């Protein structure tokens, strides 16, 4: 595929953690990291009822504010997760490790926090909250195989996810960057564990496994636009016609509310093209182009290019050429646009030489 909405970006240090306890925020991570979702140039937040999940969509052209970002204030000692002396005498070892891990995390000691979370899992393999948190911490370190195992363990005990956090009055939120413009805000539940697992699998190149888990996720929450886009991208790289049809079925209700939805429409149009339905694809691409504000230029350019190819196949040569010229004016080296327009290779080479000099 020429365009990837989910350009696999470097996870670290993008993953952020926010622990909320009695209204006091505990921010964790390196100086300059984002600790709340969508603080810069945010245009929309998409919430999915019943999942504890929301997506923050930021302006793809937004600029960072000038100046150095202030390091988060330290967490007051009275608000740090802790066990008193006498409570430690009766608290199971796995729970003690878990609480000590949270305390280390609130102090910004991520390596120690991870060690303690995994110690808790060694002491009690059924600790879903420890597995969930360790999974995202391993994902941040780009230890994808270990992260996947932690997420699988969390899913095996998904009915207890968030219980241990709740016992200590904590509401964790993980900020997971899925594209440069989109951040997922996750809470401990099966949906977020599945998203983490899919991310870990895709980053290992295990697309077939990721696809199967995305189908499970979409069976539970068919309106998750990021899961839809991720699934469609994987499916369109296969020759499975039945799955192309499934993409068309799943994306039928999708509008054009945000950049994520625009990407889903692009992929829906591509699925229709693969099924030989150019007239339907033309309508989808046209709908996708009706909103351009806050959409990445690369996304819009790909939609115009795909619509031009559809116009050409439908015999609408004037419309096709107009679209191709717009794409060429923005990016002369895009795909095979120069060839389709009959631009000489010599001219293109000369232009490239000037740019290089």
Foldseek 3Di string as FASTA:
>chain_A
DQDDQQPPDQFPPQKWKWKAFPNDIQGADDFPYDHDPPPFQWDDKADAPPFQKIKTFHQPPTDDDDDGGDGDDQDPPVRQQDDDPVRVVVDDQLLRLQSVLSNCRSRRNNVSSLVSLVVSCVSPVQPLQSLQVNLSSCVNVVVLVSSLVSLVSNLVNQVCWCVSCVVRRIWMWMWTDRHPGMTMTHTTGNLVSLVSNLSSCVVVVNLVVSLVSLVVNCVVPLPPLVSLLSNLVSVLVDPDLVVLVVSLVSLVVQAQPAQSSLSSLLSNLSSCVSVVNLVVSLVSLVRSQPDDGSHDPVSNLSSLQVNLVSCVVVVVPVSSLVSLVVSCVVPVPRDCSCVVNVNDPVVVVVVVVVVVD
